[in-house]
Amino acid sequence: MSPEQIQESKIYREWGLTDEEYLKIKDEILDGRLPNFTETGMYAVMWSEHCCYKNSKPVLKKFPTTGPQVLMGP
């Protein structure tokens, strides 16, 4: 699958990347170049919930980090 086909089909959405994340890869990380199949897949994995907690991180920040109920803080 070519970089153009990836962009047109938006297959990256099926891999967990949002449109904003895909554009960030293209515009900021790759300086305007379309990511190829392997690069798109690698970023999808690196930025997945499993690896970076992209959805749960804001929620986790609301938990207390000090106090008697906290066994180990950050």
PDB file of N, CA and C in Angstrom:
ATOM      1  N   MET A   1       0.858  -1.172   0.000  1.00  0.00           N
ATOM      2  CA  MET A   1       0.000   0.000   0.000  1.00  0.00           C
ATOM      3  C   MET A   1       0.902   1.232   0.000  1.00  0.00           C
ATOM      4  N   SER A   2       0.651   2.136  -0.914  1.00  0.00           N
ATOM      5  CA  SER A   2       1.478   3.335  -1.040  1.00  0.00           C
ATOM      6  C   SER A   2       1.076   4.374   0.014  1.00  0.00           C
ATOM      7  N   PRO A   3       1.964   5.340   0.286  1.00  0.00           N
ATOM      8  CA  PRO A   3       1.611   6.402   1.229  1.00  0.00           C
ATOM      9  C   PRO A   3       0.346   7.160   0.810  1.00  0.00           C
ATOM     10  N   GLU A   4       0.178   7.349  -0.490  1.00  0.00           N
ATOM     11  CA  GLU A   4      -1.017   8.041  -0.982  1.00  0.00           C
ATOM     12  C   GLU A   4      -2.284   7.228  -0.701  1.00  0.00           C
ATOM     13  N   GLN A   5      -2.194   5.905  -0.891  1.00  0.00           N
ATOM     14  CA  GLN A   5      -3.344   5.035  -0.618  1.00  0.00           C
ATOM     15  C   GLN A   5      -3.681   5.021   0.873  1.00  0.00           C
ATOM     16  N   ILE A   6      -2.662   5.068   1.714  1.00  0.00           N
ATOM     17  CA  ILE A   6      -2.889   5.107   3.163  1.00  0.00           C
ATOM     18  C   ILE A   6      -3.649   6.372   3.529  1.00  0.00           C
ATOM     19  N   GLN A   7      -3.208   7.502   2.966  1.00  0.00           N
ATOM     20  CA  GLN A   7      -3.862   8.773   3.269  1.00  0.00           C
ATOM     21  C   GLN A   7      -5.297   8.805   2.738  1.00  0.00           C
ATOM     22  N   GLU A   8      -5.495   8.353   1.512  1.00  0.00           N
ATOM     23  CA  GLU A   8      -6.822   8.389   0.894  1.00  0.00           C
ATOM     24  C   GLU A   8      -7.806   7.443   1.573  1.00  0.00           C
ATOM     25  N   SER A   9      -7.357   6.250   1.897  1.00  0.00           N
ATOM     26  CA  SER A   9      -8.255   5.255   2.497  1.00  0.00           C
ATOM     27  C   SER A   9      -8.456   5.470   3.993  1.00  0.00           C
ATOM     28  N   LYS A  10      -7.535   6.254   4.593  1.00  0.00           N
ATOM     29  CA  LYS A  10      -7.563   6.512   6.040  1.00  0.00           C
ATOM     30  C   LYS A  10      -7.501   5.212   6.853  1.00  0.00           C
ATOM     31  N   ILE A  11      -6.750   4.250   6.340  1.00  0.00           N
ATOM     32  CA  ILE A  11      -6.613   2.965   7.035  1.00  0.00           C
ATOM     33  C   ILE A  11      -5.973   3.140   8.409  1.00  0.00           C
ATOM     34  N   TYR A  12      -5.225   4.218   8.571  1.00  0.00           N
ATOM     35  CA  TYR A  12      -4.589   4.474   9.870  1.00  0.00           C
ATOM     36  C   TYR A  12      -5.614   4.572  10.995  1.00  0.00           C
ATOM     37  N   ARG A  13      -6.845   4.929  10.673  1.00  0.00           N
ATOM     38  CA  ARG A  13      -7.900   4.970  11.701  1.00  0.00           C
ATOM     39  C   ARG A  13      -8.157   3.577  12.271  1.00  0.00           C
ATOM     40  N   GLU A  14      -8.110   2.572  11.401  1.00  0.00           N
ATOM     41  CA  GLU A  14      -8.309   1.188  11.856  1.00  0.00           C
ATOM     42  C   GLU A  14      -7.169   0.739  12.759  1.00  0.00           C
ATOM     43  N   TRP A  15      -6.028   1.394  12.646  1.00  0.00           N
ATOM     44  CA  TRP A  15      -4.858   1.061  13.458  1.00  0.00           C
ATOM     45  C   TRP A  15      -4.795   1.885  14.735  1.00  0.00           C
ATOM     46  N   GLY A  16      -5.793   2.755  14.957  1.00  0.00           N
ATOM     47  CA  GLY A  16      -5.869   3.510  16.197  1.00  0.00           C
ATOM     48  C   GLY A  16      -5.377   4.939  16.135  1.00  0.00           C
ATOM     49  N   LEU A  17      -4.931   5.408  14.969  1.00  0.00           N
ATOM     50  CA  LEU A  17      -4.488   6.796  14.852  1.00  0.00           C
ATOM     51  C   LEU A  17      -5.668   7.686  14.481  1.00  0.00           C
ATOM     52  N   THR A  18      -5.712   8.866  15.071  1.00  0.00           N
ATOM     53  CA  THR A  18      -6.724   9.844  14.691  1.00  0.00           C
ATOM     54  C   THR A  18      -6.217  10.634  13.487  1.00  0.00           C
ATOM     55  N   ASP A  19      -7.111  11.391  12.865  1.00  0.00           N
ATOM     56  CA  ASP A  19      -6.700  12.248  11.753  1.00  0.00           C
ATOM     57  C   ASP A  19      -5.650  13.254  12.225  1.00  0.00           C
ATOM     58  N   GLU A  20      -5.834  13.794  13.426  1.00  0.00           N
ATOM     59  CA  GLU A  20      -4.891  14.771  13.972  1.00  0.00           C
ATOM     60  C   GLU A  20      -3.509  14.149  14.185  1.00  0.00           C
ATOM     61  N   GLU A  21      -3.480  12.930  14.697  1.00  0.00           N
ATOM     62  CA  GLU A  21      -2.199  12.253  14.913  1.00  0.00           C
ATOM     63  C   GLU A  21      -1.506  11.962  13.584  1.00  0.00           C
ATOM     64  N   TYR A  22      -2.275  11.534  12.589  1.00  0.00           N
ATOM     65  CA  TYR A  22      -1.698  11.260  11.274  1.00  0.00           C
ATOM     66  C   TYR A  22      -1.094  12.533  10.682  1.00  0.00           C
ATOM     67  N   LEU A  23      -1.818  13.639  10.798  1.00  0.00           N
ATOM     68  CA  LEU A  23      -1.300  14.910  10.283  1.00  0.00           C
ATOM     69  C   LEU A  23      -0.058  15.361  11.039  1.00  0.00           C
ATOM     70  N   LYS A  24      -0.014  15.101  12.341  1.00  0.00           N
ATOM     71  CA  LYS A  24       1.170  15.453  13.126  1.00  0.00           C
ATOM     72  C   LYS A  24       2.383  14.666  12.634  1.00  0.00           C
ATOM     73  N   ILE A  25       2.196  13.391  12.357  1.00  0.00           N
ATOM     74  CA  ILE A  25       3.288  12.570  11.824  1.00  0.00           C
ATOM     75  C   ILE A  25       3.768  13.158  10.502  1.00  0.00           C
ATOM     76  N   LYS A  26       2.811  13.431   9.620  1.00  0.00           N
ATOM     77  CA  LYS A  26       3.147  13.942   8.285  1.00  0.00           C
ATOM     78  C   LYS A  26       3.787  15.324   8.348  1.00  0.00           C
ATOM     79  N   ASP A  27       3.154  16.249   9.028  1.00  0.00           N
ATOM     80  CA  ASP A  27       3.579  17.647   8.977  1.00  0.00           C
ATOM     81  C   ASP A  27       4.729  17.988   9.920  1.00  0.00           C
ATOM     82  N   GLU A  28       4.695  17.464  11.138  1.00  0.00           N
ATOM     83  CA  GLU A  28       5.691  17.860  12.129  1.00  0.00           C
ATOM     84  C   GLU A  28       6.874  16.902  12.211  1.00  0.00           C
ATOM     85  N   ILE A  29       6.618  15.621  12.138  1.00  0.00           N
ATOM     86  CA  ILE A  29       7.697  14.648  12.315  1.00  0.00           C
ATOM     87  C   ILE A  29       8.421  14.380  10.996  1.00  0.00           C
ATOM     88  N   LEU A  30       7.665  14.232   9.925  1.00  0.00           N
ATOM     89  CA  LEU A  30       8.275  13.897   8.633  1.00  0.00           C
ATOM     90  C   LEU A  30       8.391  15.103   7.699  1.00  0.00           C
ATOM     91  N   ASP A  31       8.200  16.305   8.224  1.00  0.00           N
ATOM     92  CA  ASP A  31       8.357  17.554   7.455  1.00  0.00           C
ATOM     93  C   ASP A  31       7.580  17.562   6.144  1.00  0.00           C
ATOM     94  N   GLY A  32       6.323  17.132   6.188  1.00  0.00           N
ATOM     95  CA  GLY A  32       5.459  17.208   5.022  1.00  0.00           C
ATOM     96  C   GLY A  32       5.421  15.961   4.158  1.00  0.00           C
ATOM     97  N   ARG A  33       6.292  15.010   4.436  1.00  0.00           N
ATOM     98  CA  ARG A  33       6.308  13.764   3.653  1.00  0.00           C
ATOM     99  C   ARG A  33       5.256  12.807   4.195  1.00  0.00           C
ATOM    100  N   LEU A  34       4.555  12.125   3.301  1.00  0.00           N
ATOM    101  CA  LEU A  34       3.571  11.134   3.724  1.00  0.00           C
ATOM    102  C   LEU A  34       4.284   9.923   4.321  1.00  0.00           C
ATOM    103  N   PRO A  35       3.827   9.435   5.473  1.00  0.00           N
ATOM    104  CA  PRO A  35       4.453   8.239   6.046  1.00  0.00           C
ATOM    105  C   PRO A  35       4.117   7.004   5.213  1.00  0.00           C
ATOM    106  N   ASN A  36       5.100   6.121   5.086  1.00  0.00           N
ATOM    107  CA  ASN A  36       4.851   4.885   4.348  1.00  0.00           C
ATOM    108  C   ASN A  36       4.121   3.882   5.252  1.00  0.00           C
ATOM    109  N   PHE A  37       3.858   2.713   4.718  1.00  0.00           N
ATOM    110  CA  PHE A  37       3.089   1.687   5.430  1.00  0.00           C
ATOM    111  C   PHE A  37       3.747   1.321   6.760  1.00  0.00           C
ATOM    112  N   THR A  38       5.053   1.082   6.725  1.00  0.00           N
ATOM    113  CA  THR A  38       5.777   0.677   7.931  1.00  0.00           C
ATOM    114  C   THR A  38       5.796   1.790   8.962  1.00  0.00           C
ATOM    115  N   GLU A  39       6.077   3.013   8.534  1.00  0.00           N
ATOM    116  CA  GLU A  39       6.107   4.150   9.462  1.00  0.00           C
ATOM    117  C   GLU A  39       4.747   4.377  10.107  1.00  0.00           C
ATOM    118  N   THR A  40       3.693   4.309   9.311  1.00  0.00           N
ATOM    119  CA  THR A  40       2.347   4.499   9.855  1.00  0.00           C
ATOM    120  C   THR A  40       2.035   3.435  10.892  1.00  0.00           C
ATOM    121  N   GLY A  41       2.383   2.201  10.586  1.00  0.00           N
ATOM    122  CA  GLY A  41       2.162   1.114  11.536  1.00  0.00           C
ATOM    123  C   GLY A  41       2.960   1.279  12.812  1.00  0.00           C
ATOM    124  N   MET A  42       4.207   1.726  12.677  1.00  0.00           N
ATOM    125  CA  MET A  42       5.053   1.910  13.866  1.00  0.00           C
ATOM    126  C   MET A  42       4.500   3.003  14.775  1.00  0.00           C
ATOM    127  N   TYR A  43       4.086   4.124  14.197  1.00  0.00           N
ATOM    128  CA  TYR A  43       3.510   5.188  15.019  1.00  0.00           C
ATOM    129  C   TYR A  43       2.192   4.749  15.644  1.00  0.00           C
ATOM    130  N   ALA A  44       1.402   3.993  14.916  1.00  0.00           N
ATOM    131  CA  ALA A  44       0.139   3.497  15.470  1.00  0.00           C
ATOM    132  C   ALA A  44       0.392   2.639  16.702  1.00  0.00           C
ATOM    133  N   VAL A  45       1.413   1.808  16.656  1.00  0.00           N
ATOM    134  CA  VAL A  45       1.742   0.956  17.801  1.00  0.00           C
ATOM    135  C   VAL A  45       2.332   1.785  18.933  1.00  0.00           C
ATOM    136  N   MET A  46       3.283   2.671  18.608  1.00  0.00           N
ATOM    137  CA  MET A  46       3.927   3.482  19.652  1.00  0.00           C
ATOM    138  C   MET A  46       2.930   4.380  20.373  1.00  0.00           C
ATOM    139  N   TRP A  47       1.953   4.885  19.642  1.00  0.00           N
ATOM    140  CA  TRP A  47       0.988   5.804  20.236  1.00  0.00           C
ATOM    141  C   TRP A  47      -0.302   5.108  20.657  1.00  0.00           C
ATOM    142  N   SER A  48      -0.284   3.797  20.720  1.00  0.00           N
ATOM    143  CA  SER A  48      -1.481   3.061  21.122  1.00  0.00           C
ATOM    144  C   SER A  48      -1.716   3.197  22.620  1.00  0.00           C
ATOM    145  N   GLU A  49      -2.909   2.902  23.051  1.00  0.00           N
ATOM    146  CA  GLU A  49      -3.236   2.933  24.477  1.00  0.00           C
ATOM    147  C   GLU A  49      -2.338   1.978  25.246  1.00  0.00           C
ATOM    148  N   HIS A  50      -2.033   0.850  24.662  1.00  0.00           N
ATOM    149  CA  HIS A  50      -1.212  -0.151  25.338  1.00  0.00           C
ATOM    150  C   HIS A  50       0.186   0.382  25.658  1.00  0.00           C
ATOM    151  N   CYS A  51       0.747   1.184  24.764  1.00  0.00           N
ATOM    152  CA  CYS A  51       2.128   1.649  24.951  1.00  0.00           C
ATOM    153  C   CYS A  51       2.242   3.009  25.621  1.00  0.00           C
ATOM    154  N   CYS A  52       1.304   3.904  25.378  1.00  0.00           N
ATOM    155  CA  CYS A  52       1.506   5.268  25.888  1.00  0.00           C
ATOM    156  C   CYS A  52       0.344   5.809  26.713  1.00  0.00           C
ATOM    157  N   TYR A  53      -0.679   5.032  26.952  1.00  0.00           N
ATOM    158  CA  TYR A  53      -1.814   5.467  27.771  1.00  0.00           C
ATOM    159  C   TYR A  53      -2.423   6.779  27.264  1.00  0.00           C
ATOM    160  N   LYS A  54      -2.549   6.946  25.961  1.00  0.00           N
ATOM    161  CA  LYS A  54      -2.989   8.227  25.426  1.00  0.00           C
ATOM    162  C   LYS A  54      -4.402   8.612  25.859  1.00  0.00           C
ATOM    163  N   ASN A  55      -5.259   7.654  26.136  1.00  0.00           N
ATOM    164  CA  ASN A  55      -6.615   7.980  26.577  1.00  0.00           C
ATOM    165  C   ASN A  55      -6.757   8.004  28.089  1.00  0.00           C
ATOM    166  N   SER A  56      -6.014   7.173  28.779  1.00  0.00           N
ATOM    167  CA  SER A  56      -6.170   7.083  30.231  1.00  0.00           C
ATOM    168  C   SER A  56      -5.255   8.024  31.001  1.00  0.00           C
ATOM    169  N   LYS A  57      -4.216   8.551  30.368  1.00  0.00           N
ATOM    170  CA  LYS A  57      -3.267   9.421  31.069  1.00  0.00           C
ATOM    171  C   LYS A  57      -3.959  10.629  31.717  1.00  0.00           C
ATOM    172  N   PRO A  58      -4.860  11.346  31.010  1.00  0.00           N
ATOM    173  CA  PRO A  58      -5.532  12.482  31.653  1.00  0.00           C
ATOM    174  C   PRO A  58      -6.366  12.064  32.870  1.00  0.00           C
ATOM    175  N   VAL A  59      -6.963  10.896  32.815  1.00  0.00           N
ATOM    176  CA  VAL A  59      -7.768  10.402  33.933  1.00  0.00           C
ATOM    177  C   VAL A  59      -6.867  10.003  35.095  1.00  0.00           C
ATOM    178  N   LEU A  60      -5.762   9.341  34.798  1.00  0.00           N
ATOM    179  CA  LEU A  60      -4.839   8.901  35.843  1.00  0.00           C
ATOM    180  C   LEU A  60      -4.239  10.078  36.603  1.00  0.00           C
ATOM    181  N   LYS A  61      -4.080  11.224  35.939  1.00  0.00           N
ATOM    182  CA  LYS A  61      -3.516  12.408  36.598  1.00  0.00           C
ATOM    183  C   LYS A  61      -4.440  12.957  37.685  1.00  0.00           C
ATOM    184  N   LYS A  62      -5.695  12.556  37.675  1.00  0.00           N
ATOM    185  CA  LYS A  62      -6.653  13.037  38.674  1.00  0.00           C
ATOM    186  C   LYS A  62      -6.550  12.284  39.998  1.00  0.00           C
ATOM    187  N   PHE A  63      -5.875  11.150  39.997  1.00  0.00           N
ATOM    188  CA  PHE A  63      -5.731  10.364  41.219  1.00  0.00           C
ATOM    189  C   PHE A  63      -4.718  11.020  42.152  1.00  0.00           C
ATOM    190  N   PRO A  64      -4.888  10.847  43.468  1.00  0.00           N
ATOM    191  CA  PRO A  64      -3.920  11.420  44.405  1.00  0.00           C
ATOM    192  C   PRO A  64      -2.560  10.735  44.269  1.00  0.00           C
ATOM    193  N   THR A  65      -1.508  11.511  44.506  1.00  0.00           N
ATOM    194  CA  THR A  65      -0.154  10.961  44.419  1.00  0.00           C
ATOM    195  C   THR A  65       0.563  10.981  45.765  1.00  0.00           C
ATOM    196  N   THR A  66      -0.074  11.566  46.766  1.00  0.00           N
ATOM    197  CA  THR A  66       0.490  11.583  48.119  1.00  0.00           C
ATOM    198  C   THR A  66      -0.618  11.272  49.107  1.00  0.00           C
ATOM    199  N   GLY A  67      -0.230  10.848  50.287  1.00  0.00           N
ATOM    200  CA  GLY A  67      -1.196  10.563  51.340  1.00  0.00           C
ATOM    201  C   GLY A  67      -1.064   9.142  51.836  1.00  0.00           C
ATOM    202  N   PRO A  68      -1.744   8.836  52.939  1.00  0.00           N
ATOM    203  CA  PRO A  68      -1.617   7.511  53.544  1.00  0.00           C
ATOM    204  C   PRO A  68      -2.163   6.384  52.664  1.00  0.00           C
ATOM    205  N   GLN A  69      -3.107   6.686  51.785  1.00  0.00           N
ATOM    206  CA  GLN A  69      -3.694   5.654  50.927  1.00  0.00           C
ATOM    207  C   GLN A  69      -2.829   5.347  49.704  1.00  0.00           C
ATOM    208  N   VAL A  70      -1.800   6.163  49.451  1.00  0.00           N
ATOM    209  CA  VAL A  70      -0.929   5.971  48.292  1.00  0.00           C
ATOM    210  C   VAL A  70       0.266   5.122  48.704  1.00  0.00           C
ATOM    211  N   LEU A  71       0.400   3.951  48.084  1.00  0.00           N
ATOM    212  CA  LEU A  71       1.510   3.062  48.411  1.00  0.00           C
ATOM    213  C   LEU A  71       2.813   3.527  47.775  1.00  0.00           C
ATOM    214  N   MET A  72       2.715   4.023  46.536  1.00  0.00           N
ATOM    215  CA  MET A  72       3.907   4.501  45.841  1.00  0.00           C
ATOM    216  C   MET A  72       3.491   5.565  44.844  1.00  0.00           C
ATOM    217  N   GLY A  73       4.025   6.754  44.988  1.00  0.00           N
ATOM    218  CA  GLY A  73       3.703   7.856  44.088  1.00  0.00           C
ATOM    219  C   GLY A  73       4.570   7.840  42.847  1.00  0.00           C
ATOM    220  N   PRO A  74       4.372   8.827  42.006  1.00  0.00           N
ATOM    221  CA  PRO A  74       5.140   8.882  40.753  1.00  0.00           C
ATOM    222  C   PRO A  74       6.621   9.131  40.986  1.00  0.00           C
TER     223      PRO A  74
END
